[in-house]
Amino acid sequence: MNGLFDFFARLVRGLLKLVLGVAALVFVLSLLLATLVVVLGVSLWALITGRKPAPFVVFNRFRQTSHRYTQGVWPGRGPVQPMGDVVDVQAHEVPDAPPPRDVTPRSGNDPMARVIR
């Protein structure tokens, strides 16, 4: 009897692994299909509107920005020239602006009277 239960337990475990494997495969394939549909939709929209797709613009800006701060990492580009010397200046305090003299306090039905002083 014990051998029969072991056989059915192995059979059920195998079927469960098979079902879960097929479910995972279906999930991954549906995710890839959804990604493909989104990429094609964005590409078609970019062709219709005449604009570059947003991911391309973002990665292009990232590449330009990183190129500015690296020294010759990107192929086909010359060495980056230094931006220039750093100039120190004398620090001084900036006084607050004096309040305007011709403003009179408001009163009456004006709801902003308590805000403007």
Protein backbone atom coordinates (compact mmCIF):
# COMPACT_ATOMS: atom_id res chain seq x y z
CA MET A 1 0.00 0.00 0.00
CA ASN A 2 2.85 2.34 0.87
CA GLY A 3 4.37 1.93 -2.60
CA LEU A 4 1.04 2.81 -4.23
CA PHE A 5 0.75 6.03 -2.18
CA ASP A 6 4.34 6.96 -3.04
CA PHE A 7 3.62 6.43 -6.73
CA PHE A 8 0.53 8.68 -6.65
CA ALA A 9 2.38 11.31 -4.58
CA ARG A 10 5.19 11.40 -7.15
CA LEU A 11 2.64 11.55 -9.96
CA VAL A 12 0.75 14.45 -8.36
CA ARG A 13 4.04 16.30 -7.64
CA GLY A 14 5.16 15.84 -11.24
CA LEU A 15 1.82 17.07 -12.59
CA LEU A 16 1.92 20.08 -10.24
CA LYS A 17 5.46 20.96 -11.38
CA LEU A 18 4.37 20.62 -14.99
CA VAL A 19 1.31 22.84 -14.49
CA LEU A 20 3.33 25.49 -12.62
CA GLY A 21 6.06 25.38 -15.29
CA VAL A 22 3.50 25.87 -18.08
CA ALA A 23 1.87 28.71 -16.12
CA ALA A 24 5.26 30.41 -15.67
CA LEU A 25 6.01 29.98 -19.37
CA VAL A 26 2.65 31.47 -20.34
CA PHE A 27 3.25 34.40 -17.98
CA VAL A 28 6.72 35.12 -19.39
CA LEU A 29 5.51 34.84 -22.97
CA SER A 30 2.55 37.13 -22.31
CA LEU A 31 4.89 39.66 -20.65
CA LEU A 32 7.20 39.57 -23.68
CA LEU A 33 4.24 39.94 -26.03
CA ALA A 34 2.91 42.92 -24.05
CA THR A 35 6.36 44.53 -24.15
CA LEU A 36 6.56 43.99 -27.89
CA VAL A 37 3.11 45.56 -28.39
CA VAL A 38 4.09 48.60 -26.30
CA VAL A 39 7.38 49.06 -28.16
CA LEU A 40 5.65 48.79 -31.52
CA GLY A 41 2.93 51.20 -30.41
CA VAL A 42 5.44 53.76 -29.18
CA SER A 43 7.45 53.40 -32.39
CA LEU A 44 4.37 53.86 -34.55
CA TRP A 45 3.30 56.87 -32.50
CA ALA A 46 6.77 58.35 -32.92
CA LEU A 47 6.55 57.83 -36.67
CA ILE A 48 3.11 59.41 -36.85
CA THR A 49 3.97 62.46 -34.73
CA GLY A 50 7.50 62.86 -36.10
CA ARG A 51 9.08 62.92 -32.64
CA LYS A 52 11.75 60.66 -31.26
CA PRO A 53 10.52 58.04 -28.79
CA ALA A 54 10.92 59.09 -25.14
CA PRO A 55 13.32 56.28 -24.13
CA PHE A 56 15.64 57.23 -26.99
CA VAL A 57 15.61 60.87 -25.88
CA VAL A 58 16.26 59.97 -22.24
CA PHE A 59 19.18 57.66 -23.04
CA ASN A 60 20.60 60.18 -25.52
CA ARG A 61 20.52 62.90 -22.84
CA PHE A 62 22.14 60.52 -20.36
CA ARG A 63 24.90 59.78 -22.85
CA GLN A 64 25.51 63.47 -23.53
CA THR A 65 25.58 64.30 -19.83
CA SER A 66 27.88 61.43 -18.95
CA HIS A 67 30.16 62.39 -21.84
CA ARG A 68 30.53 65.84 -20.36
CA TYR A 69 31.91 64.39 -17.10
CA THR A 70 34.11 61.59 -18.47
CA GLN A 71 37.52 61.74 -20.07
CA GLY A 72 37.41 60.01 -23.45
CA VAL A 73 35.26 57.02 -22.51
CA TRP A 74 33.01 57.19 -25.57
CA PRO A 75 34.65 55.84 -28.72
CA GLY A 76 35.22 58.19 -31.64
CA ARG A 77 35.38 61.30 -29.49
CA GLY A 78 38.45 63.32 -28.64
CA PRO A 79 39.60 64.13 -25.13
CA VAL A 80 37.40 66.46 -23.16
CA GLN A 81 38.84 69.92 -22.62
CA PRO A 82 38.84 71.26 -19.06
CA MET A 83 36.10 73.76 -18.28
CA GLY A 84 38.53 76.42 -17.00
CA ASP A 85 40.02 77.71 -13.80
CA VAL A 86 38.03 78.16 -10.63
CA VAL A 87 37.89 81.77 -9.51
CA ASP A 88 37.37 82.60 -5.85
CA VAL A 89 35.47 85.76 -5.01
CA GLN A 90 35.11 87.71 -1.81
CA ALA A 91 31.90 86.79 0.00
CA HIS A 92 29.62 89.51 1.32
CA GLU A 93 26.13 89.68 2.81
CA VAL A 94 23.21 90.79 0.73
CA PRO A 95 20.84 92.98 2.77
CA ASP A 96 17.12 92.29 2.78
CA ALA A 97 15.03 94.50 0.54
CA PRO A 98 13.42 97.37 2.47
CA PRO A 99 9.62 97.24 2.68
CA PRO A 100 7.77 99.51 0.24
CA ARG A 101 6.78 102.87 1.84
CA ASP A 102 3.54 103.61 0.03
CA VAL A 103 1.66 100.47 1.16
CA THR A 104 -1.15 101.22 3.59
CA PRO A 105 -2.81 98.49 5.63
CA ARG A 106 -6.07 97.34 4.14
CA SER A 107 -9.25 96.80 6.01
CA GLY A 108 -12.88 96.06 5.36
CA ASN A 109 -14.17 93.10 3.35
CA ASP A 110 -10.83 92.32 1.73
CA PRO A 111 -9.90 88.71 2.65
CA MET A 112 -6.24 89.39 1.82
CA ALA A 113 -5.98 92.27 4.32
CA ARG A 114 -4.47 90.05 6.99
CA VAL A 115 -1.95 88.54 4.52
CA ILE A 116 -0.59 91.75 3.00
CA ARG A 117 1.09 93.95 5.57
